[in-house]
Structure formats: C-alpha cells, structure tokens
Amino acid sequence: KQVVEATGVMAKPETLKADRRKVRDGLEKLVKVDGLMGEIGRVQDEGESIKPYVFVQAQKGAWKVVHDPR
C-alpha cells in the first residue's frame, strides 16, 4: 500500500505497464515498512526481509510460545 500511494499508481487499463514498473521499482527501494508485529526491514542487496516472529512448539499435546518479540 505504501508503495502504491507513494509512486502514484493510477490503476487504469491504459497505465498498467507503467504502474507495474512503478510498483516494482518502489518495492526495490523499500527499506522499512510497518508489519503486524513490528517493523519489517529489508536487506537491499539480497531482497531478504528482516522481521519479528513468534516461535511456537508443540509440547505435551499443546502449543507453547517459545519466543514472542512483543
């Protein structure tokens, strides 16, 4: 959503090709974005996301939260 709003995507049939390029270029430049559990960062050279996560394990027939960054 941030990229679409920031790049001026028109979302019309006649601007489809240009809009796709705007979204692609905007995503490539994206460094940080707000996620559900906190900030999501990107390693620019790799395109890999760095984000918080919840880690759970099944223990004695029930789910147990092992890691929660909040």
Foldseek 3Di string as FASTA:
>chain_A
DVQCVVQVQPPDPVCVVVNVVSSVVSLLPDAWDADPQGIWGADNVVRDIDDFDWDWDQDPNDIDTPDRPD
